């Protein structure tokens, strides 16, 4: 059975809940009125203002798309860059090998003359492109390149500050070790000279 004290506590709690609900509804009504007054105080936008807003939004959207363009490729951009760098490396090596081979052949058969760069470089560039396309069309090589690029995209690279701090520590440690061992070398050479001249 409930005592009179229990009934009074329950009644007081109900009264507090009702008063809090009333205060909340009053605050909500005041906020709605304030919002309506602000909206009424603002002047209506002209058609020119609306056009400017729409154009501004379009410009912002275009700039945002332009700034996100490299991100849209994701890790694929690294794959494309790797294939391009591979083609350039193969082309460079083919040019050097072609130049050396022509030079050796020119010594053996003098009628060939000196290596002609205007022939060697385009052929080397073509060799580089052919090798890159060959490996691009090879499914195993392409899958391997995609997997490597995907894993590299998951790496958390150090920030510029971390790299600067680490480089500073390495350089200072190297300088300290160099000076320390140079002084130790001088000290022990001095000691050994004294011992041998004694």
N, C-alpha and C. Protein backbone atom coordinates (compact mmCIF):
# COMPACT_ATOMS: atom_id res chain seq x y z
N UNK A 1 0.83 -1.17 0.00
CA UNK A 1 0.00 0.00 0.00
C UNK A 1 0.87 1.23 0.00
N UNK A 2 0.40 2.22 -0.73
CA UNK A 2 1.13 3.46 -0.85
C UNK A 2 0.77 4.38 0.31
N UNK A 3 1.77 5.01 0.84
CA UNK A 3 1.54 5.95 1.92
C UNK A 3 1.28 7.33 1.33
N UNK A 4 0.90 8.23 2.18
CA UNK A 4 0.62 9.59 1.74
C UNK A 4 1.88 10.27 1.20
N UNK A 5 3.03 9.94 1.80
CA UNK A 5 4.29 10.54 1.32
C UNK A 5 4.60 10.08 -0.10
N UNK A 6 4.39 8.78 -0.36
CA UNK A 6 4.64 8.26 -1.71
C UNK A 6 3.74 8.95 -2.73
N UNK A 7 2.48 9.12 -2.38
CA UNK A 7 1.54 9.78 -3.29
C UNK A 7 1.95 11.22 -3.55
N UNK A 8 2.43 11.92 -2.53
CA UNK A 8 2.87 13.31 -2.71
C UNK A 8 4.09 13.37 -3.63
N UNK A 9 5.05 12.41 -3.47
CA UNK A 9 6.24 12.39 -4.33
C UNK A 9 5.85 12.18 -5.79
N UNK A 10 4.95 11.21 -6.01
CA UNK A 10 4.51 10.93 -7.39
C UNK A 10 3.81 12.14 -7.96
N UNK A 11 2.98 12.79 -7.18
CA UNK A 11 2.28 13.98 -7.64
C UNK A 11 3.25 15.11 -7.96
N UNK A 12 4.28 15.29 -7.14
CA UNK A 12 5.28 16.34 -7.38
C UNK A 12 6.06 16.04 -8.66
N UNK A 13 6.42 14.77 -8.90
CA UNK A 13 7.15 14.39 -10.11
C UNK A 13 6.30 14.64 -11.36
N UNK A 14 5.02 14.29 -11.29
CA UNK A 14 4.12 14.55 -12.42
C UNK A 14 4.02 16.03 -12.70
N UNK A 15 3.94 16.84 -11.66
CA UNK A 15 3.85 18.29 -11.82
C UNK A 15 5.11 18.84 -12.48
N UNK A 16 6.30 18.33 -12.05
CA UNK A 16 7.56 18.77 -12.65
C UNK A 16 7.61 18.39 -14.14
N UNK A 17 7.20 17.18 -14.48
CA UNK A 17 7.20 16.74 -15.88
C UNK A 17 6.30 17.62 -16.73
N UNK A 18 5.12 17.96 -16.21
CA UNK A 18 4.18 18.80 -16.96
C UNK A 18 4.75 20.21 -17.13
N UNK A 19 5.38 20.74 -16.09
CA UNK A 19 5.92 22.11 -16.19
C UNK A 19 7.10 22.13 -17.17
N UNK A 20 7.94 21.08 -17.19
CA UNK A 20 9.05 21.02 -18.16
C UNK A 20 8.51 20.92 -19.59
N UNK A 21 7.46 20.14 -19.79
CA UNK A 21 6.87 20.01 -21.13
C UNK A 21 6.29 21.35 -21.58
N UNK A 22 5.66 22.08 -20.68
CA UNK A 22 5.12 23.40 -21.02
C UNK A 22 6.24 24.37 -21.39
N UNK A 23 7.33 24.35 -20.61
CA UNK A 23 8.45 25.24 -20.92
C UNK A 23 9.07 24.91 -22.27
N UNK A 24 9.19 23.63 -22.57
CA UNK A 24 9.76 23.21 -23.85
C UNK A 24 8.88 23.67 -25.00
N UNK A 25 7.57 23.51 -24.87
CA UNK A 25 6.67 23.92 -25.95
C UNK A 25 6.68 25.44 -26.12
N UNK A 26 6.82 26.20 -25.00
CA UNK A 26 6.89 27.65 -25.09
C UNK A 26 8.18 28.07 -25.82
N UNK A 27 9.30 27.41 -25.50
CA UNK A 27 10.55 27.73 -26.17
C UNK A 27 10.46 27.42 -27.66
N UNK A 28 9.86 26.30 -28.00
CA UNK A 28 9.70 25.93 -29.42
C UNK A 28 8.85 26.96 -30.15
N UNK A 29 7.78 27.44 -29.53
CA UNK A 29 6.92 28.44 -30.16
C UNK A 29 7.69 29.75 -30.34
N UNK A 30 8.51 30.13 -29.34
CA UNK A 30 9.30 31.35 -29.46
C UNK A 30 10.31 31.24 -30.60
N UNK A 31 10.94 30.07 -30.76
CA UNK A 31 11.90 29.88 -31.85
C UNK A 31 11.23 29.98 -33.21
N UNK A 32 10.04 29.41 -33.32
CA UNK A 32 9.30 29.48 -34.59
C UNK A 32 8.96 30.93 -34.92
N UNK A 33 8.52 31.69 -33.92
CA UNK A 33 8.19 33.10 -34.14
C UNK A 33 9.43 33.88 -34.58
N UNK A 34 10.56 33.64 -33.91
CA UNK A 34 11.81 34.35 -34.25
C UNK A 34 12.22 34.02 -35.69
N UNK A 35 12.09 32.78 -36.09
CA UNK A 35 12.44 32.37 -37.45
C UNK A 35 11.52 33.05 -38.46
N UNK A 36 10.24 33.09 -38.15
CA UNK A 36 9.28 33.74 -39.06
C UNK A 36 9.60 35.24 -39.18
N UNK A 37 9.98 35.87 -38.06
CA UNK A 37 10.29 37.30 -38.11
C UNK A 37 11.54 37.55 -38.94
N UNK A 38 12.55 36.68 -38.82
CA UNK A 38 13.77 36.84 -39.62
C UNK A 38 13.47 36.67 -41.11
N UNK A 39 12.63 35.71 -41.42
CA UNK A 39 12.28 35.47 -42.83
C UNK A 39 11.52 36.67 -43.39
N UNK A 40 10.65 37.26 -42.57
CA UNK A 40 9.88 38.41 -43.04
C UNK A 40 10.78 39.64 -43.20
N UNK A 41 11.82 39.74 -42.38
CA UNK A 41 12.71 40.90 -42.45
C UNK A 41 13.62 40.86 -43.67
N UNK A 42 13.92 39.66 -44.21
CA UNK A 42 14.80 39.56 -45.38
C UNK A 42 14.03 39.98 -46.63
N UNK A 43 14.69 40.76 -47.50
CA UNK A 43 14.01 41.12 -48.73
C UNK A 43 14.03 39.92 -49.69
N UNK A 44 13.02 39.90 -50.55
CA UNK A 44 12.94 38.82 -51.54
C UNK A 44 14.08 38.96 -52.53
N UNK A 45 14.55 37.84 -53.02
CA UNK A 45 15.65 37.86 -53.99
C UNK A 45 15.08 38.13 -55.37
N UNK A 46 15.83 38.94 -56.09
CA UNK A 46 15.45 39.18 -57.49
C UNK A 46 15.82 37.96 -58.32
N UNK A 47 15.34 37.94 -59.57
CA UNK A 47 15.70 36.84 -60.47
C UNK A 47 17.20 36.84 -60.75
N UNK A 48 17.82 38.05 -60.78
CA UNK A 48 19.26 38.13 -61.02
C UNK A 48 20.03 37.48 -59.87
N UNK A 49 19.57 37.72 -58.63
CA UNK A 49 20.23 37.12 -57.48
C UNK A 49 20.12 35.60 -57.52
N UNK A 50 18.95 35.10 -57.91
CA UNK A 50 18.75 33.66 -58.00
C UNK A 50 19.67 33.08 -59.07
N UNK A 51 19.79 33.78 -60.22
CA UNK A 51 20.67 33.31 -61.30
C UNK A 51 22.12 33.30 -60.83
N UNK A 52 22.52 34.36 -60.08
CA UNK A 52 23.89 34.42 -59.56
C UNK A 52 24.15 33.27 -58.61
N UNK A 53 23.16 32.98 -57.74
CA UNK A 53 23.34 31.87 -56.80
C UNK A 53 23.48 30.55 -57.55
N UNK A 54 22.64 30.35 -58.57
CA UNK A 54 22.71 29.11 -59.33
C UNK A 54 24.04 29.00 -60.07
N UNK A 55 24.50 30.11 -60.66
CA UNK A 55 25.78 30.11 -61.37
C UNK A 55 26.92 29.87 -60.39
N UNK A 56 26.85 30.50 -59.23
CA UNK A 56 27.88 30.32 -58.21
C UNK A 56 27.95 28.87 -57.76
N UNK A 57 26.77 28.26 -57.58
CA UNK A 57 26.75 26.85 -57.18
C UNK A 57 27.34 25.97 -58.27
N UNK A 58 27.03 26.30 -59.54
CA UNK A 58 27.58 25.52 -60.65
C UNK A 58 29.09 25.65 -60.68
N UNK A 59 29.60 26.89 -60.50
CA UNK A 59 31.04 27.11 -60.50
C UNK A 59 31.71 26.34 -59.37
N UNK A 60 31.08 26.37 -58.18
CA UNK A 60 31.64 25.64 -57.05
C UNK A 60 31.66 24.14 -57.32
N UNK A 61 30.57 23.64 -57.94
CA UNK A 61 30.50 22.22 -58.25
C UNK A 61 31.58 21.83 -59.26
N UNK A 62 31.80 22.68 -60.28
CA UNK A 62 32.82 22.40 -61.28
C UNK A 62 34.21 22.43 -60.65
N UNK A 63 34.47 23.40 -59.78
CA UNK A 63 35.77 23.47 -59.11
C UNK A 63 35.98 22.26 -58.21
N UNK A 64 34.92 21.84 -57.54
CA UNK A 64 35.03 20.69 -56.67
C UNK A 64 35.32 19.43 -57.48
N UNK A 65 34.67 19.29 -58.64
CA UNK A 65 34.93 18.14 -59.50
C UNK A 65 36.36 18.19 -60.03
N UNK A 66 36.83 19.38 -60.41
CA UNK A 66 38.20 19.51 -60.90
C UNK A 66 39.21 19.15 -59.83
N UNK A 67 38.96 19.58 -58.60
CA UNK A 67 39.90 19.29 -57.52
C UNK A 67 39.87 17.82 -57.14
N UNK A 68 38.77 17.14 -57.42
CA UNK A 68 38.65 15.72 -57.09
C UNK A 68 39.03 14.82 -58.25
N UNK A 69 39.43 15.36 -59.38
CA UNK A 69 39.70 14.54 -60.55
C UNK A 69 40.75 13.46 -60.29
N UNK A 70 41.92 13.77 -59.69
CA UNK A 70 42.89 12.70 -59.46
C UNK A 70 42.39 11.64 -58.50
N UNK A 71 41.56 12.03 -57.55
CA UNK A 71 41.06 11.08 -56.57
C UNK A 71 40.11 10.09 -57.21
N UNK A 72 39.42 10.49 -58.27
CA UNK A 72 38.47 9.61 -58.92
C UNK A 72 39.15 8.38 -59.51
N UNK A 73 40.41 8.51 -59.93
CA UNK A 73 41.12 7.37 -60.47
C UNK A 73 41.53 6.40 -59.37
N UNK A 74 41.64 6.89 -58.16
CA UNK A 74 42.04 6.04 -57.06
C UNK A 74 43.45 5.51 -57.26
N UNK A 75 43.66 4.26 -56.88
CA UNK A 75 45.00 3.69 -57.02
C UNK A 75 45.35 3.40 -58.48
N UNK A 76 44.38 3.45 -59.38
CA UNK A 76 44.64 3.20 -60.80
C UNK A 76 45.63 4.21 -61.39
N UNK A 77 45.65 5.42 -60.87
CA UNK A 77 46.58 6.42 -61.40
C UNK A 77 48.02 5.98 -61.19
N UNK A 78 48.28 5.24 -60.10
CA UNK A 78 49.63 4.73 -59.87
C UNK A 78 49.99 3.64 -60.88
N UNK A 79 48.99 2.85 -61.24
CA UNK A 79 49.23 1.81 -62.25
C UNK A 79 49.58 2.45 -63.58
N UNK A 80 48.80 3.46 -63.98
CA UNK A 80 49.09 4.16 -65.25
C UNK A 80 50.47 4.80 -65.20
N UNK A 81 50.79 5.42 -64.09
CA UNK A 81 52.10 6.07 -63.97
C UNK A 81 53.22 5.04 -64.02
N UNK A 82 53.01 3.88 -63.42
CA UNK A 82 54.04 2.84 -63.44
C UNK A 82 54.26 2.32 -64.85
N UNK A 83 53.18 2.13 -65.60
CA UNK A 83 53.34 1.67 -66.97
C UNK A 83 54.05 2.72 -67.83
N UNK A 84 53.72 3.99 -67.60
CA UNK A 84 54.38 5.06 -68.36
C UNK A 84 55.87 5.13 -67.99
N UNK A 85 56.17 5.04 -66.70
CA UNK A 85 57.57 5.07 -66.27
C UNK A 85 58.32 3.86 -66.80
N UNK A 86 57.66 2.70 -66.83
CA UNK A 86 58.29 1.50 -67.39
C UNK A 86 58.59 1.66 -68.86
N UNK A 87 57.64 2.26 -69.60
CA UNK A 87 57.86 2.49 -71.04
C UNK A 87 59.04 3.44 -71.24
N UNK A 88 59.12 4.48 -70.42
CA UNK A 88 60.23 5.43 -70.55
C UNK A 88 61.57 4.77 -70.21
N UNK A 89 61.59 3.93 -69.18
CA UNK A 89 62.82 3.25 -68.78
C UNK A 89 63.27 2.28 -69.88
N UNK A 90 62.33 1.51 -70.42
CA UNK A 90 62.68 0.57 -71.49
C UNK A 90 63.16 1.34 -72.71
N UNK A 91 62.49 2.44 -73.03
CA UNK A 91 62.93 3.27 -74.16
C UNK A 91 64.32 3.82 -73.95
N UNK A 92 64.62 4.29 -72.74
CA UNK A 92 65.95 4.82 -72.42
C UNK A 92 67.01 3.74 -72.57
N UNK A 93 66.74 2.56 -71.98
CA UNK A 93 67.70 1.46 -72.08
C UNK A 93 67.88 1.00 -73.52
N UNK A 94 66.79 0.94 -74.28
CA UNK A 94 66.89 0.55 -75.68
C UNK A 94 67.71 1.56 -76.47
N UNK A 95 67.57 2.84 -76.16
CA UNK A 95 68.36 3.87 -76.83
C UNK A 95 69.84 3.70 -76.52
N UNK A 96 70.17 3.46 -75.26
CA UNK A 96 71.58 3.29 -74.89
C UNK A 96 72.17 2.02 -75.52
N UNK A 97 71.42 0.93 -75.49
CA UNK A 97 71.90 -0.31 -76.09
C UNK A 97 72.02 -0.16 -77.60
N UNK A 98 71.03 0.48 -78.22
CA UNK A 98 71.09 0.71 -79.68
C UNK A 98 72.27 1.58 -80.07
N UNK A 99 72.52 2.62 -79.27
CA UNK A 99 73.65 3.51 -79.55
C UNK A 99 74.98 2.74 -79.43
N UNK A 100 75.13 1.96 -78.35
CA UNK A 100 76.36 1.19 -78.15
C UNK A 100 76.53 0.14 -79.24
N UNK A 101 75.43 -0.55 -79.61
CA UNK A 101 75.52 -1.57 -80.67
C UNK A 101 75.91 -0.94 -82.01
N UNK A 102 75.31 0.18 -82.35
CA UNK A 102 75.65 0.86 -83.60
C UNK A 102 77.12 1.28 -83.61
N UNK A 103 77.58 1.79 -82.47
CA UNK A 103 78.97 2.22 -82.37
C UNK A 103 79.92 1.04 -82.59
N UNK A 104 79.61 -0.13 -81.96
CA UNK A 104 80.46 -1.31 -82.13
C UNK A 104 80.42 -1.81 -83.57
N UNK A 105 79.22 -1.80 -84.15
CA UNK A 105 79.12 -2.21 -85.56
C UNK A 105 79.85 -1.24 -86.47
N UNK A 106 79.82 0.04 -86.13
CA UNK A 106 80.53 1.04 -86.92
C UNK A 106 82.03 0.83 -86.87
N UNK A 107 82.56 0.30 -85.76
CA UNK A 107 83.99 0.00 -85.69
C UNK A 107 84.32 -1.24 -86.52
N UNK A 108 83.39 -2.16 -86.55
CA UNK A 108 83.61 -3.39 -87.30
C UNK A 108 83.42 -3.17 -88.79
N UNK A 109 82.33 -2.45 -89.13
CA UNK A 109 82.05 -2.09 -90.53
C UNK A 109 82.02 -0.58 -90.63
N UNK A 110 83.10 0.05 -91.06
CA UNK A 110 83.18 1.51 -91.08
C UNK A 110 82.13 2.19 -91.98
N UNK A 111 81.56 1.48 -92.94
CA UNK A 111 80.56 2.11 -93.82
C UNK A 111 79.27 2.48 -93.09
N UNK A 112 79.01 1.88 -91.91
CA UNK A 112 77.83 2.25 -91.12
C UNK A 112 77.98 3.65 -90.53
N UNK A 113 79.19 4.04 -90.23
CA UNK A 113 79.45 5.37 -89.70
C UNK A 113 79.09 5.48 -88.23
N UNK A 114 79.00 6.73 -87.79
CA UNK A 114 78.65 7.03 -86.41
C UNK A 114 77.16 6.73 -86.16
N UNK A 115 76.79 6.43 -84.88
CA UNK A 115 75.37 6.21 -84.58
C UNK A 115 74.54 7.46 -84.88
N UNK A 116 73.39 7.26 -85.50
CA UNK A 116 72.49 8.38 -85.83
C UNK A 116 71.36 8.41 -84.81
N UNK A 117 71.42 9.42 -83.96
CA UNK A 117 70.42 9.55 -82.89
C UNK A 117 69.01 9.75 -83.44
N UNK A 118 68.87 10.39 -84.59
CA UNK A 118 67.54 10.62 -85.16
C UNK A 118 66.87 9.31 -85.57
N UNK A 119 67.64 8.23 -85.69
CA UNK A 119 67.05 6.91 -85.96
C UNK A 119 66.95 6.08 -84.68
N UNK A 120 67.96 6.19 -83.83
CA UNK A 120 68.01 5.35 -82.63
C UNK A 120 66.90 5.72 -81.64
N UNK A 121 66.69 7.00 -81.39
CA UNK A 121 65.73 7.42 -80.37
C UNK A 121 64.28 7.10 -80.73
N UNK A 122 63.82 7.35 -81.96
CA UNK A 122 62.44 6.95 -82.27
C UNK A 122 62.22 5.44 -82.19
N UNK A 123 63.21 4.66 -82.62
CA UNK A 123 63.07 3.20 -82.53
C UNK A 123 63.03 2.78 -81.07
N UNK A 124 63.86 3.38 -80.24
CA UNK A 124 63.87 3.06 -78.81
C UNK A 124 62.55 3.45 -78.15
N UNK A 125 62.00 4.60 -78.53
CA UNK A 125 60.70 5.01 -77.99
C UNK A 125 59.61 4.04 -78.40
N UNK A 126 59.66 3.58 -79.63
CA UNK A 126 58.67 2.62 -80.12
C UNK A 126 58.80 1.29 -79.37
N UNK A 127 60.02 0.87 -79.11
CA UNK A 127 60.24 -0.36 -78.34
C UNK A 127 59.64 -0.21 -76.93
N UNK A 128 59.85 0.94 -76.30
CA UNK A 128 59.29 1.17 -74.97
C UNK A 128 57.78 1.11 -74.97
N UNK A 129 57.16 1.71 -75.97
CA UNK A 129 55.69 1.71 -76.06
C UNK A 129 55.18 0.30 -76.30
N UNK A 130 55.84 -0.44 -77.18
CA UNK A 130 55.40 -1.82 -77.48
C UNK A 130 55.50 -2.69 -76.23
N UNK A 131 56.58 -2.56 -75.47
CA UNK A 131 56.73 -3.36 -74.25
C UNK A 131 55.65 -3.00 -73.24
N UNK A 132 55.36 -1.70 -73.06
CA UNK A 132 54.33 -1.28 -72.11
C UNK A 132 52.96 -1.81 -72.52
N UNK A 133 52.63 -1.71 -73.81
CA UNK A 133 51.33 -2.20 -74.28
C UNK A 133 51.25 -3.72 -74.13
N UNK A 134 52.34 -4.41 -74.42
CA UNK A 134 52.36 -5.87 -74.27
C UNK A 134 52.03 -6.26 -72.84
N UNK A 135 52.70 -5.64 -71.87
CA UNK A 135 52.44 -5.98 -70.48
C UNK A 135 51.10 -5.44 -69.98
N UNK A 136 50.60 -4.38 -70.59
CA UNK A 136 49.28 -3.86 -70.22
C UNK A 136 48.20 -4.86 -70.63
N UNK A 137 48.38 -5.49 -71.76
CA UNK A 137 47.38 -6.43 -72.26
C UNK A 137 47.52 -7.81 -71.64
N UNK A 138 48.61 -8.05 -70.95
CA UNK A 138 48.83 -9.34 -70.29
C UNK A 138 48.10 -9.33 -68.95
N UNK A 139 47.08 -10.18 -68.75
CA UNK A 139 46.24 -10.10 -67.54
C UNK A 139 47.01 -10.30 -66.24
N UNK A 140 47.99 -11.23 -66.23
CA UNK A 140 48.71 -11.50 -64.98
C UNK A 140 49.53 -10.27 -64.56
N UNK A 141 50.20 -9.65 -65.51
CA UNK A 141 51.02 -8.48 -65.18
C UNK A 141 50.15 -7.32 -64.71
N UNK A 142 49.03 -7.15 -65.38
CA UNK A 142 48.14 -6.04 -65.01
C UNK A 142 47.53 -6.27 -63.63
N UNK A 143 47.14 -7.51 -63.35
CA UNK A 143 46.57 -7.83 -62.04
C UNK A 143 47.62 -7.60 -60.95
N UNK A 144 48.85 -8.00 -61.22
CA UNK A 144 49.93 -7.79 -60.25
C UNK A 144 50.13 -6.30 -59.98
N UNK A 145 50.17 -5.51 -61.06
CA UNK A 145 50.35 -4.06 -60.90
C UNK A 145 49.19 -3.45 -60.12
N UNK A 146 47.97 -3.88 -60.40
CA UNK A 146 46.80 -3.37 -59.68
C UNK A 146 46.87 -3.73 -58.19
N UNK A 147 47.28 -4.96 -57.88
CA UNK A 147 47.35 -5.37 -56.48
C UNK A 147 48.43 -4.59 -55.73
N UNK A 148 49.57 -4.38 -56.39
CA UNK A 148 50.65 -3.62 -55.74
C UNK A 148 50.19 -2.20 -55.47
N UNK A 149 49.55 -1.57 -56.48
CA UNK A 149 49.08 -0.18 -56.30
C UNK A 149 48.00 -0.10 -55.23
N UNK A 150 47.13 -1.10 -55.18
CA UNK A 150 46.08 -1.09 -54.16
C UNK A 150 46.67 -1.19 -52.76
N UNK A 151 47.66 -2.06 -52.59
CA UNK A 151 48.31 -2.19 -51.28
C UNK A 151 49.06 -0.92 -50.91
N UNK A 152 49.73 -0.30 -51.89
CA UNK A 152 50.45 0.94 -51.61
C UNK A 152 49.50 2.07 -51.24
N UNK A 153 48.27 2.04 -51.78
CA UNK A 153 47.31 3.09 -51.43
C UNK A 153 46.83 2.95 -49.99
N UNK A 154 47.00 1.77 -49.40
CA UNK A 154 46.58 1.56 -48.02
C UNK A 154 47.64 1.97 -47.02
N UNK A 155 48.84 2.26 -47.50
CA UNK A 155 49.95 2.61 -46.61
C UNK A 155 49.70 3.99 -46.00
N UNK A 156 49.98 4.12 -44.73
CA UNK A 156 49.91 5.43 -44.07
C UNK A 156 51.30 6.05 -44.15
N UNK A 157 51.44 7.02 -45.02
CA UNK A 157 52.74 7.64 -45.24
C UNK A 157 52.98 8.68 -44.16
N UNK A 158 54.25 8.87 -43.78
CA UNK A 158 54.54 9.86 -42.73
C UNK A 158 54.29 11.28 -43.21
N UNK A 159 53.99 12.15 -42.27
CA UNK A 159 53.76 13.55 -42.61
C UNK A 159 55.10 14.24 -42.88
N UNK A 160 55.02 15.44 -43.42
CA UNK A 160 56.23 16.20 -43.73
C UNK A 160 57.04 16.48 -42.45
N UNK A 161 56.33 16.78 -41.38
CA UNK A 161 57.00 17.08 -40.11
C UNK A 161 57.75 15.86 -39.59
N UNK A 162 57.12 14.68 -39.67
CA UNK A 162 57.77 13.45 -39.21
C UNK A 162 59.02 13.16 -40.04
N UNK A 163 58.93 13.33 -41.35
CA UNK A 163 60.09 13.08 -42.22
C UNK A 163 61.21 14.06 -41.90
N UNK A 164 60.85 15.34 -41.71
CA UNK A 164 61.86 16.36 -41.39
C UNK A 164 62.54 16.04 -40.06
N UNK A 165 61.76 15.67 -39.05
CA UNK A 165 62.34 15.34 -37.74
C UNK A 165 63.25 14.11 -37.83
N UNK A 166 62.80 13.09 -38.54
CA UNK A 166 63.61 11.87 -38.67
C UNK A 166 64.90 12.15 -39.42
N UNK A 167 64.82 12.94 -40.49
CA UNK A 167 66.00 13.27 -41.27
C UNK A 167 66.99 14.07 -40.44
N UNK A 168 66.48 15.00 -39.65
CA UNK A 168 67.35 15.81 -38.78
C UNK A 168 68.08 14.92 -37.77
N UNK A 169 67.36 13.97 -37.18
CA UNK A 169 67.98 13.07 -36.21
C UNK A 169 69.07 12.25 -36.88
N UNK A 170 68.81 11.73 -38.08
CA UNK A 170 69.80 10.92 -38.78
C UNK A 170 71.04 11.74 -39.13
N UNK A 171 70.83 12.95 -39.64
CA UNK A 171 71.97 13.80 -40.03
C UNK A 171 72.81 14.17 -38.80
N UNK A 172 72.15 14.58 -37.72
CA UNK A 172 72.89 14.96 -36.51
C UNK A 172 73.63 13.76 -35.91
N UNK A 173 73.01 12.60 -35.92
CA UNK A 173 73.67 11.40 -35.40
C UNK A 173 74.89 11.05 -36.25
N UNK A 174 74.75 11.18 -37.57
CA UNK A 174 75.88 10.89 -38.47
C UNK A 174 77.02 11.87 -38.24
N UNK A 175 76.71 13.15 -38.09
CA UNK A 175 77.76 14.15 -37.84
C UNK A 175 78.44 13.87 -36.50
N UNK A 176 77.65 13.59 -35.49
CA UNK A 176 78.22 13.29 -34.17
C UNK A 176 79.14 12.07 -34.23
N UNK A 177 78.68 10.99 -34.88
CA UNK A 177 79.49 9.77 -34.98
C UNK A 177 80.77 10.03 -35.75
N UNK A 178 80.68 10.83 -36.83
CA UNK A 178 81.87 11.14 -37.62
C UNK A 178 82.89 11.90 -36.79
N UNK A 179 82.45 12.91 -36.08
CA UNK A 179 83.36 13.70 -35.24
C UNK A 179 83.94 12.84 -34.13
N UNK A 180 83.10 12.03 -33.49
CA UNK A 180 83.56 11.17 -32.40
C UNK A 180 84.64 10.21 -32.87
N UNK A 181 84.39 9.51 -33.98
CA UNK A 181 85.37 8.53 -34.46
C UNK A 181 86.63 9.21 -35.00
N UNK A 182 86.50 10.40 -35.57
CA UNK A 182 87.69 11.13 -36.02
C UNK A 182 88.55 11.52 -34.82
N UNK A 183 87.93 11.99 -33.75
CA UNK A 183 88.68 12.33 -32.54
C UNK A 183 89.31 11.10 -31.90
N UNK A 184 88.56 10.00 -31.87
CA UNK A 184 89.12 8.77 -31.32
C UNK A 184 90.31 8.29 -32.15
N UNK A 185 90.22 8.42 -33.47
CA UNK A 185 91.31 8.02 -34.34
C UNK A 185 92.55 8.87 -34.06
N UNK A 186 92.35 10.17 -33.95
CA UNK A 186 93.48 11.06 -33.64
C UNK A 186 94.08 10.73 -32.27
N UNK A 187 93.22 10.49 -31.30
CA UNK A 187 93.70 10.19 -29.95
C UNK A 187 94.55 8.91 -29.95
N UNK A 188 94.04 7.83 -30.55
CA UNK A 188 94.77 6.57 -30.55
C UNK A 188 96.02 6.63 -31.43
N UNK A 189 95.98 7.42 -32.47
CA UNK A 189 97.21 7.56 -33.28
C UNK A 189 98.28 8.32 -32.47
N UNK A 190 97.86 9.30 -31.70
CA UNK A 190 98.78 10.03 -30.84
C UNK A 190 99.39 9.08 -29.80
N UNK A 191 98.54 8.27 -29.17
CA UNK A 191 99.00 7.32 -28.15
C UNK A 191 99.97 6.31 -28.77
N UNK A 192 99.62 5.74 -29.91
CA UNK A 192 100.49 4.73 -30.53
C UNK A 192 101.81 5.36 -31.00
N UNK A 193 101.74 6.58 -31.49
CA UNK A 193 103.00 7.26 -31.87
C UNK A 193 103.91 7.44 -30.66
N UNK A 194 103.34 7.82 -29.53
CA UNK A 194 104.13 7.99 -28.31
C UNK A 194 104.72 6.66 -27.85
N UNK A 195 103.95 5.59 -27.97
CA UNK A 195 104.43 4.29 -27.53
C UNK A 195 105.57 3.83 -28.45
N UNK A 196 105.40 3.96 -29.76
CA UNK A 196 106.41 3.46 -30.70
C UNK A 196 107.67 4.33 -30.71
N UNK A 197 107.53 5.60 -30.38
CA UNK A 197 108.72 6.48 -30.34
C UNK A 197 109.40 6.47 -28.98
N UNK A 198 108.89 5.78 -28.06
CA UNK A 198 109.43 5.75 -26.70
C UNK A 198 110.73 5.06 -26.63
